[in-house]
Amino acid sequence: MRKQNLLSSEDGRLILRAPIEKVELVMPNDLRAIIGAQIQRLPDREIQALEIASVTGASFSAAVTAWADGSDMQELEDLYEALSKRHRFLRWASTHGYPEGTLAERYEFSHALYRRVLYERIAPVRRAAYHRAIGERIEGLYAARIDDVVSELAFFFDVGGDHVRCVEYLRRSAEITGRRRAHQATTTMLHRAREVLPKLPKADRVEIEIRILIAPAGHRMSTFDPGVVDAYETLPCSADLHGPRHRMEQRAAVAG
């Protein structure tokens, strides 16, 4: 990058001499160092606010991120607004109204690399806690229209380690895509749900597994979709946990 006059050094600091979009694919490690140095020059409060935003997504609002670290929503929104006006990492995107009535400004990262570097800075345990908190906040904001965000919630609770809620939202997402006859999406959701199932407490696993496997399979059978065979064949996976009789009951439910 130095040879291309894209990067120089002044007073011991690396300076980017071209828009970041033009050099994204040149040397990723150099870019990461440049962005990391820019982040380090920010006040700690701004760094924390940006890190939480990076967990929320490419676009976000203080209505969600403030919940994750116990901040005041207005204080955090003012911080994002100030950063956007300084053209530092963020730009204003829109004004968004949530189903439960909250109105908030939405911001977005001015480049995907900013979000990536910020996200990678967060320690895994703290990152998981942010994902759980963000998922809980979205649950509240979309309580009246929860079906709009079931896939998003499944992701946040998956990464956040809340396996029970993750599986439940994967199941609900599979039901929605099943009703739309988007069977590939349904299969993907069910596959991930089955991967997460072993992480659930054994006491919760039986009922949840039945709900995951039967409802989408029933939908496929009602539409005469051969894909029902796929769901049917997954049922023996729980044989060791539940025994032959339970397995027969599961199969009877699918077939009925």
C-alpha atoms as a PDB file:
ATOM      1  CA  MET A   1       0.000   0.000   0.000  1.00  0.00           C
ATOM      2  CA  ARG A   2       2.913   2.350   0.654  1.00  0.00           C
ATOM      3  CA  LYS A   3       4.211   1.675  -2.871  1.00  0.00           C
ATOM      4  CA  GLN A   4       0.838   2.683  -4.268  1.00  0.00           C
ATOM      5  CA  ASN A   5       0.840   5.902  -2.214  1.00  0.00           C
ATOM      6  CA  LEU A   6      -2.281   4.695  -0.412  1.00  0.00           C
ATOM      7  CA  LEU A   7      -0.616   4.601   2.993  1.00  0.00           C
ATOM      8  CA  SER A   8       1.908   6.920   4.630  1.00  0.00           C
ATOM      9  CA  SER A   9       3.276   7.626   8.074  1.00  0.00           C
ATOM     10  CA  GLU A  10       3.146  10.905   9.947  1.00  0.00           C
ATOM     11  CA  ASP A  11       4.364  11.357  13.518  1.00  0.00           C
ATOM     12  CA  GLY A  12       4.416   7.598  13.965  1.00  0.00           C
ATOM     13  CA  ARG A  13       0.800   7.163  12.804  1.00  0.00           C
ATOM     14  CA  LEU A  14      -0.466   5.377   9.693  1.00  0.00           C
ATOM     15  CA  ILE A  15      -2.443   7.672   7.403  1.00  0.00           C
ATOM     16  CA  LEU A  16      -4.767   6.399   4.670  1.00  0.00           C
ATOM     17  CA  ARG A  17      -4.425   8.558   1.544  1.00  0.00           C
ATOM     18  CA  ALA A  18      -7.409   7.227  -0.434  1.00  0.00           C
ATOM     19  CA  PRO A  19     -11.044   6.379   0.285  1.00  0.00           C
ATOM     20  CA  ILE A  20     -11.270   3.065   2.080  1.00  0.00           C
ATOM     21  CA  GLU A  21     -13.581   1.661  -0.611  1.00  0.00           C
ATOM     22  CA  LYS A  22     -10.748   1.898  -3.163  1.00  0.00           C
ATOM     23  CA  VAL A  23      -8.301  -0.181  -1.151  1.00  0.00           C
ATOM     24  CA  GLU A  24     -10.526  -2.743   0.546  1.00  0.00           C
ATOM     25  CA  LEU A  25      -9.115  -5.667  -1.421  1.00  0.00           C
ATOM     26  CA  VAL A  26      -5.471  -4.596  -1.517  1.00  0.00           C
ATOM     27  CA  MET A  27      -4.113  -5.666   1.853  1.00  0.00           C
ATOM     28  CA  PRO A  28      -6.775  -6.508   4.472  1.00  0.00           C
ATOM     29  CA  ASN A  29      -4.269  -6.647   7.330  1.00  0.00           C
ATOM     30  CA  ASP A  30      -3.108  -3.128   6.611  1.00  0.00           C
ATOM     31  CA  LEU A  31      -6.692  -1.925   6.471  1.00  0.00           C
ATOM     32  CA  ARG A  32      -7.460  -3.595   9.774  1.00  0.00           C
ATOM     33  CA  ALA A  33      -4.488  -1.818  11.337  1.00  0.00           C
ATOM     34  CA  ILE A  34      -5.579   1.539   9.924  1.00  0.00           C
ATOM     35  CA  ILE A  35      -9.155   1.188  11.141  1.00  0.00           C
ATOM     36  CA  GLY A  36      -7.990  -0.141  14.503  1.00  0.00           C
ATOM     37  CA  ALA A  37      -5.761   2.910  14.935  1.00  0.00           C
ATOM     38  CA  GLN A  38      -8.690   5.213  14.091  1.00  0.00           C
ATOM     39  CA  ILE A  39     -10.868   3.455  16.656  1.00  0.00           C
ATOM     40  CA  GLN A  40      -8.238   3.686  19.363  1.00  0.00           C
ATOM     41  CA  ARG A  41      -8.187   7.472  19.042  1.00  0.00           C
ATOM     42  CA  LEU A  42     -11.865   7.678  20.014  1.00  0.00           C
ATOM     43  CA  PRO A  43     -13.050   8.190  23.594  1.00  0.00           C
ATOM     44  CA  ASP A  44     -13.859   4.938  25.416  1.00  0.00           C
ATOM     45  CA  ARG A  45     -17.579   5.731  25.487  1.00  0.00           C
ATOM     46  CA  GLU A  46     -17.724   6.135  21.715  1.00  0.00           C
ATOM     47  CA  ILE A  47     -15.805   2.894  21.202  1.00  0.00           C
ATOM     48  CA  GLN A  48     -18.225   0.988  23.418  1.00  0.00           C
ATOM     49  CA  ALA A  49     -21.243   2.482  21.650  1.00  0.00           C
ATOM     50  CA  LEU A  50     -19.830   1.562  18.241  1.00  0.00           C
ATOM     51  CA  GLU A  51     -18.945  -1.962  19.348  1.00  0.00           C
ATOM     52  CA  ILE A  52     -22.504  -2.604  20.521  1.00  0.00           C
ATOM     53  CA  ALA A  53     -23.801  -1.169  17.249  1.00  0.00           C
ATOM     54  CA  SER A  54     -21.564  -3.575  15.323  1.00  0.00           C
ATOM     55  CA  VAL A  55     -23.283  -6.501  17.062  1.00  0.00           C
ATOM     56  CA  THR A  56     -26.745  -5.154  16.225  1.00  0.00           C
ATOM     57  CA  GLY A  57     -26.137  -5.084  12.475  1.00  0.00           C
ATOM     58  CA  ALA A  58     -25.141  -2.984   9.488  1.00  0.00           C
ATOM     59  CA  SER A  59     -27.863  -0.542  10.535  1.00  0.00           C
ATOM     60  CA  PHE A  60     -29.147   0.044  14.041  1.00  0.00           C
ATOM     61  CA  SER A  61     -30.839   2.433  16.435  1.00  0.00           C
ATOM     62  CA  ALA A  62     -30.232   3.547  20.001  1.00  0.00           C
ATOM     63  CA  ALA A  63     -33.642   2.055  20.850  1.00  0.00           C
ATOM     64  CA  VAL A  64     -31.909  -1.321  20.609  1.00  0.00           C
ATOM     65  CA  THR A  65     -28.271  -0.652  21.473  1.00  0.00           C
ATOM     66  CA  ALA A  66     -29.026   1.342  24.634  1.00  0.00           C
ATOM     67  CA  TRP A  67     -30.680  -1.759  26.106  1.00  0.00           C
ATOM     68  CA  ALA A  68     -27.521  -3.807  25.650  1.00  0.00           C
ATOM     69  CA  ASP A  69     -25.381  -1.742  28.012  1.00  0.00           C
ATOM     70  CA  GLY A  70     -27.975  -0.003  30.166  1.00  0.00           C
ATOM     71  CA  SER A  71     -27.467   3.398  28.548  1.00  0.00           C
ATOM     72  CA  ASP A  72     -29.960   6.205  28.219  1.00  0.00           C
ATOM     73  CA  MET A  73     -31.457   6.005  24.734  1.00  0.00           C
ATOM     74  CA  GLN A  74     -31.369   9.749  24.089  1.00  0.00           C
ATOM     75  CA  GLU A  75     -27.763  10.074  25.246  1.00  0.00           C
ATOM     76  CA  LEU A  76     -26.712   7.249  22.945  1.00  0.00           C
ATOM     77  CA  GLU A  77     -28.692   8.611  20.005  1.00  0.00           C
ATOM     78  CA  ASP A  78     -26.985  11.990  20.478  1.00  0.00           C
ATOM     79  CA  LEU A  79     -23.619  10.234  20.427  1.00  0.00           C
ATOM     80  CA  TYR A  80     -24.420   8.454  17.155  1.00  0.00           C
ATOM     81  CA  GLU A  81     -25.684  11.695  15.656  1.00  0.00           C
ATOM     82  CA  ALA A  82     -22.468  13.484  16.590  1.00  0.00           C
ATOM     83  CA  LEU A  83     -20.364  10.719  15.047  1.00  0.00           C
ATOM     84  CA  SER A  84     -22.405  10.829  11.851  1.00  0.00           C
ATOM     85  CA  LYS A  85     -22.014  14.603  11.568  1.00  0.00           C
ATOM     86  CA  ARG A  86     -18.263  14.246  11.964  1.00  0.00           C
ATOM     87  CA  HIS A  87     -18.339  11.577   9.233  1.00  0.00           C
ATOM     88  CA  ARG A  88     -16.704   9.156  11.633  1.00  0.00           C
ATOM     89  CA  PHE A  89     -17.726   5.559  10.977  1.00  0.00           C
ATOM     90  CA  LEU A  90     -21.465   6.259  10.749  1.00  0.00           C
ATOM     91  CA  ARG A  91     -24.088   8.001   8.668  1.00  0.00           C
ATOM     92  CA  TRP A  92     -27.747   8.711   9.331  1.00  0.00           C
ATOM     93  CA  ALA A  93     -30.089   6.267   7.573  1.00  0.00           C
ATOM     94  CA  SER A  94     -33.728   6.933   8.493  1.00  0.00           C
ATOM     95  CA  THR A  95     -36.284   7.532  11.217  1.00  0.00           C
ATOM     96  CA  HIS A  96     -37.854   4.266  12.288  1.00  0.00           C
ATOM     97  CA  GLY A  97     -41.019   3.516  14.225  1.00  0.00           C
ATOM     98  CA  TYR A  98     -41.150   0.209  16.117  1.00  0.00           C
ATOM     99  CA  PRO A  99     -44.415  -1.719  16.554  1.00  0.00           C
ATOM    100  CA  GLU A 100     -44.550  -1.062  20.300  1.00  0.00           C
ATOM    101  CA  GLY A 101     -44.500   2.691  19.681  1.00  0.00           C
ATOM    102  CA  THR A 102     -40.862   3.735  20.074  1.00  0.00           C
ATOM    103  CA  LEU A 103     -39.590   6.200  17.479  1.00  0.00           C
ATOM    104  CA  ALA A 104     -35.839   6.291  16.889  1.00  0.00           C
ATOM    105  CA  GLU A 105     -33.218   7.417  14.411  1.00  0.00           C
ATOM    106  CA  ARG A 106     -31.458   4.658  12.519  1.00  0.00           C
ATOM    107  CA  TYR A 107     -27.788   4.868  11.601  1.00  0.00           C
ATOM    108  CA  GLU A 108     -25.570   2.670   9.476  1.00  0.00           C
ATOM    109  CA  PHE A 109     -21.863   2.039   9.193  1.00  0.00           C
ATOM    110  CA  SER A 110     -20.300   4.015   6.379  1.00  0.00           C
ATOM    111  CA  HIS A 111     -18.334   0.934   5.353  1.00  0.00           C
ATOM    112  CA  ALA A 112     -18.666  -2.768   6.178  1.00  0.00           C
ATOM    113  CA  LEU A 113     -15.013  -2.929   7.249  1.00  0.00           C
ATOM    114  CA  TYR A 114     -15.630  -0.500  10.097  1.00  0.00           C
ATOM    115  CA  ARG A 115     -18.288  -2.774  11.487  1.00  0.00           C
ATOM    116  CA  ARG A 116     -16.142  -5.870  11.001  1.00  0.00           C
ATOM    117  CA  VAL A 117     -13.130  -4.490  12.866  1.00  0.00           C
ATOM    118  CA  LEU A 118     -15.297  -3.190  15.706  1.00  0.00           C
ATOM    119  CA  TYR A 119     -17.075  -6.545  16.001  1.00  0.00           C
ATOM    120  CA  GLU A 120     -13.809  -8.477  16.088  1.00  0.00           C
ATOM    121  CA  ARG A 121     -12.528  -6.313  18.950  1.00  0.00           C
ATOM    122  CA  ILE A 122     -15.214  -7.575  21.333  1.00  0.00           C
ATOM    123  CA  ALA A 123     -14.284 -10.443  23.655  1.00  0.00           C
ATOM    124  CA  PRO A 124     -16.382 -13.575  22.946  1.00  0.00           C
ATOM    125  CA  VAL A 125     -18.161 -13.670  26.319  1.00  0.00           C
ATOM    126  CA  ARG A 126     -19.116 -10.002  26.141  1.00  0.00           C
ATOM    127  CA  ARG A 127     -20.144 -10.398  22.503  1.00  0.00           C
ATOM    128  CA  ALA A 128     -22.500 -13.241  23.432  1.00  0.00           C
ATOM    129  CA  ALA A 129     -24.004 -11.124  26.210  1.00  0.00           C
ATOM    130  CA  TYR A 130     -24.630  -8.297  23.744  1.00  0.00           C
ATOM    131  CA  HIS A 131     -26.339 -10.692  21.333  1.00  0.00           C
ATOM    132  CA  ARG A 132     -28.670 -11.961  24.076  1.00  0.00           C
ATOM    133  CA  ALA A 133     -29.518  -8.456  25.249  1.00  0.00           C
ATOM    134  CA  ILE A 134     -30.187  -7.247  21.715  1.00  0.00           C
ATOM    135  CA  GLY A 135     -32.411 -10.256  21.071  1.00  0.00           C
ATOM    136  CA  GLU A 136     -34.403  -9.523  24.225  1.00  0.00           C
ATOM    137  CA  ARG A 137     -34.846  -5.901  23.224  1.00  0.00           C
ATOM    138  CA  ILE A 138     -36.028  -6.794  19.727  1.00  0.00           C
ATOM    139  CA  GLU A 139     -38.513  -9.219  21.290  1.00  0.00           C
ATOM    140  CA  GLY A 140     -40.000  -6.344  23.251  1.00  0.00           C
ATOM    141  CA  LEU A 141     -40.014  -3.845  20.405  1.00  0.00           C
ATOM    142  CA  TYR A 142     -41.695  -6.315  18.027  1.00  0.00           C
ATOM    143  CA  ALA A 143     -43.971  -8.086  20.512  1.00  0.00           C
ATOM    144  CA  ALA A 144     -47.038  -7.134  18.452  1.00  0.00           C
ATOM    145  CA  ARG A 145     -45.450  -8.336  15.182  1.00  0.00           C
ATOM    146  CA  ILE A 146     -43.016 -10.972  16.334  1.00  0.00           C
ATOM    147  CA  ASP A 147     -43.317 -12.990  13.125  1.00  0.00           C
ATOM    148  CA  ASP A 148     -41.558 -10.136  11.315  1.00  0.00           C
ATOM    149  CA  VAL A 149     -38.315 -10.834  13.182  1.00  0.00           C
ATOM    150  CA  VAL A 150     -38.265 -14.544  14.065  1.00  0.00           C
ATOM    151  CA  SER A 151     -35.228 -15.297  11.872  1.00  0.00           C
ATOM    152  CA  GLU A 152     -33.352 -12.350  13.312  1.00  0.00           C
ATOM    153  CA  LEU A 153     -34.206 -13.426  16.856  1.00  0.00           C
ATOM    154  CA  ALA A 154     -33.068 -16.982  16.147  1.00  0.00           C
ATOM    155  CA  PHE A 155     -29.684 -15.605  15.085  1.00  0.00           C
ATOM    156  CA  PHE A 156     -29.215 -13.342  18.107  1.00  0.00           C
ATOM    157  CA  PHE A 157     -30.166 -16.045  20.605  1.00  0.00           C
ATOM    158  CA  ASP A 158     -28.072 -18.626  18.763  1.00  0.00           C
ATOM    159  CA  VAL A 159     -24.910 -16.533  18.961  1.00  0.00           C
ATOM    160  CA  GLY A 160     -25.909 -15.364  22.437  1.00  0.00           C
ATOM    161  CA  GLY A 161     -26.126 -18.904  23.770  1.00  0.00           C
ATOM    162  CA  ASP A 162     -29.825 -18.858  24.660  1.00  0.00           C
ATOM    163  CA  HIS A 163     -30.480 -22.195  22.996  1.00  0.00           C
ATOM    164  CA  VAL A 164     -34.079 -22.638  24.121  1.00  0.00           C
ATOM    165  CA  ARG A 165     -35.200 -19.375  22.560  1.00  0.00           C
ATOM    166  CA  CYS A 166     -32.994 -19.953  19.530  1.00  0.00           C
ATOM    167  CA  VAL A 167     -34.687 -23.274  18.758  1.00  0.00           C
ATOM    168  CA  GLU A 168     -38.152 -21.847  19.374  1.00  0.00           C
ATOM    169  CA  TYR A 169     -37.575 -19.013  16.900  1.00  0.00           C
ATOM    170  CA  LEU A 170     -36.037 -21.384  14.364  1.00  0.00           C
ATOM    171  CA  ARG A 171     -39.182 -23.498  14.663  1.00  0.00           C
ATOM    172  CA  ARG A 172     -41.456 -20.502  14.183  1.00  0.00           C
ATOM    173  CA  SER A 173     -39.401 -19.325  11.241  1.00  0.00           C
ATOM    174  CA  ALA A 174     -39.672 -22.792   9.670  1.00  0.00           C
ATOM    175  CA  GLU A 175     -43.445 -22.693  10.102  1.00  0.00           C
ATOM    176  CA  ILE A 176     -43.641 -19.312   8.362  1.00  0.00           C
ATOM    177  CA  THR A 177     -41.456 -20.353   5.431  1.00  0.00           C
ATOM    178  CA  GLY A 178     -43.370 -23.622   5.253  1.00  0.00           C
ATOM    179  CA  ARG A 179     -46.667 -21.790   4.862  1.00  0.00           C
ATOM    180  CA  ARG A 180     -45.082 -19.886   2.005  1.00  0.00           C
ATOM    181  CA  ARG A 181     -43.912 -23.183   0.487  1.00  0.00           C
ATOM    182  CA  ALA A 182     -40.322 -21.991   0.706  1.00  0.00           C
ATOM    183  CA  HIS A 183     -39.196 -25.508   1.500  1.00  0.00           C
ATOM    184  CA  GLN A 184     -35.472 -24.951   1.085  1.00  0.00           C
ATOM    185  CA  ALA A 185     -35.571 -22.197   3.702  1.00  0.00           C
ATOM    186  CA  THR A 186     -37.676 -24.424   5.949  1.00  0.00           C
ATOM    187  CA  THR A 187     -35.147 -27.236   5.647  1.00  0.00           C
ATOM    188  CA  THR A 188     -32.306 -24.863   6.497  1.00  0.00           C
ATOM    189  CA  MET A 189     -34.079 -23.654   9.644  1.00  0.00           C
ATOM    190  CA  LEU A 190     -34.883 -27.201  10.764  1.00  0.00           C
ATOM    191  CA  HIS A 191     -31.336 -28.352  10.126  1.00  0.00           C
ATOM    192  CA  ARG A 192     -29.942 -25.616  12.347  1.00  0.00           C
ATOM    193  CA  ALA A 193     -32.559 -26.345  15.002  1.00  0.00           C
ATOM    194  CA  ARG A 194     -31.514 -29.999  15.085  1.00  0.00           C
ATOM    195  CA  GLU A 195     -27.883 -28.923  15.486  1.00  0.00           C
ATOM    196  CA  VAL A 196     -28.796 -26.781  18.498  1.00  0.00           C
ATOM    197  CA  LEU A 197     -31.122 -29.329  20.144  1.00  0.00           C
ATOM    198  CA  PRO A 198     -28.375 -31.306  21.942  1.00  0.00           C
ATOM    199  CA  LYS A 199     -27.383 -28.109  23.768  1.00  0.00           C
ATOM    200  CA  LEU A 200     -30.809 -27.856  25.427  1.00  0.00           C
ATOM    201  CA  PRO A 201     -31.451 -29.171  28.943  1.00  0.00           C
ATOM    202  CA  LYS A 202     -32.685 -32.734  28.635  1.00  0.00           C
ATOM    203  CA  ALA A 203     -35.922 -31.867  30.435  1.00  0.00           C
ATOM    204  CA  ASP A 204     -36.823 -29.360  27.692  1.00  0.00           C
ATOM    205  CA  ARG A 205     -35.596 -31.366  24.758  1.00  0.00           C
ATOM    206  CA  VAL A 206     -38.410 -33.893  24.224  1.00  0.00           C
ATOM    207  CA  GLU A 207     -41.302 -31.474  23.851  1.00  0.00           C
ATOM    208  CA  ILE A 208     -39.298 -28.987  21.791  1.00  0.00           C
ATOM    209  CA  GLU A 209     -38.020 -31.682  19.449  1.00  0.00           C
ATOM    210  CA  ILE A 210     -41.552 -32.887  18.741  1.00  0.00           C
ATOM    211  CA  ARG A 211     -42.695 -29.336  18.007  1.00  0.00           C
ATOM    212  CA  ILE A 212     -39.759 -28.776  15.665  1.00  0.00           C
ATOM    213  CA  LEU A 213     -40.149 -31.956  13.662  1.00  0.00           C
ATOM    214  CA  ILE A 214     -43.900 -32.490  13.462  1.00  0.00           C
ATOM    215  CA  ALA A 215     -45.361 -29.113  12.498  1.00  0.00           C
ATOM    216  CA  PRO A 216     -43.274 -28.488   9.341  1.00  0.00           C
ATOM    217  CA  ALA A 217     -43.525 -32.140   8.334  1.00  0.00           C
ATOM    218  CA  GLY A 218     -47.288 -31.945   8.655  1.00  0.00           C
ATOM    219  CA  HIS A 219     -47.345 -28.908   6.409  1.00  0.00           C
ATOM    220  CA  ARG A 220     -45.287 -30.635   3.752  1.00  0.00           C
ATOM    221  CA  MET A 221     -47.542 -33.683   3.809  1.00  0.00           C
ATOM    222  CA  SER A 222     -50.625 -31.496   3.473  1.00  0.00           C
ATOM    223  CA  THR A 223     -49.186 -30.031   0.274  1.00  0.00           C
ATOM    224  CA  PHE A 224     -48.135 -33.487  -1.004  1.00  0.00           C
ATOM    225  CA  ASP A 225     -44.511 -32.413  -0.986  1.00  0.00           C
ATOM    226  CA  PRO A 226     -42.065 -35.355  -1.233  1.00  0.00           C
ATOM    227  CA  GLY A 227     -39.834 -33.400   1.095  1.00  0.00           C
ATOM    228  CA  VAL A 228     -41.901 -34.757   3.978  1.00  0.00           C
ATOM    229  CA  VAL A 229     -39.697 -37.835   3.739  1.00  0.00           C
ATOM    230  CA  ASP A 230     -36.740 -35.727   4.863  1.00  0.00           C
ATOM    231  CA  ALA A 231     -38.540 -34.670   8.015  1.00  0.00           C
ATOM    232  CA  TYR A 232     -39.768 -38.218   8.624  1.00  0.00           C
ATOM    233  CA  GLU A 233     -36.265 -39.626   8.365  1.00  0.00           C
ATOM    234  CA  THR A 234     -34.926 -37.235  10.998  1.00  0.00           C
ATOM    235  CA  LEU A 235     -37.124 -38.707  13.716  1.00  0.00           C
ATOM    236  CA  PRO A 236     -34.918 -41.712  14.575  1.00  0.00           C
ATOM    237  CA  CYS A 237     -32.143 -39.291  15.583  1.00  0.00           C
ATOM    238  CA  SER A 238     -33.719 -39.110  19.042  1.00  0.00           C
ATOM    239  CA  ALA A 239     -34.104 -42.868  19.486  1.00  0.00           C
ATOM    240  CA  ASP A 240     -31.426 -43.152  22.138  1.00  0.00           C
ATOM    241  CA  LEU A 241     -33.043 -40.423  24.193  1.00  0.00           C
ATOM    242  CA  HIS A 242     -36.669 -41.433  24.012  1.00  0.00           C
ATOM    243  CA  GLY A 243     -36.861 -45.142  23.143  1.00  0.00           C
ATOM    244  CA  PRO A 244     -38.795 -47.097  20.495  1.00  0.00           C
ATOM    245  CA  ARG A 245     -42.268 -46.312  21.819  1.00  0.00           C
ATOM    246  CA  HIS A 246     -41.700 -42.587  21.763  1.00  0.00           C
ATOM    247  CA  ARG A 247     -40.262 -42.834  18.267  1.00  0.00           C
ATOM    248  CA  MET A 248     -43.346 -44.666  17.063  1.00  0.00           C
ATOM    249  CA  GLU A 249     -45.561 -41.963  18.554  1.00  0.00           C
ATOM    250  CA  GLN A 250     -43.566 -39.319  16.729  1.00  0.00           C
ATOM    251  CA  ARG A 251     -43.865 -41.142  13.418  1.00  0.00           C
ATOM    252  CA  ALA A 252     -47.575 -41.658  13.919  1.00  0.00           C
ATOM    253  CA  ALA A 253     -47.991 -37.925  14.465  1.00  0.00           C
ATOM    254  CA  VAL A 254     -46.116 -37.125  11.270  1.00  0.00           C
ATOM    255  CA  ALA A 255     -48.083 -39.655   9.267  1.00  0.00           C
ATOM    256  CA  GLY A 256     -51.424 -38.567  10.778  1.00  0.00           C
END
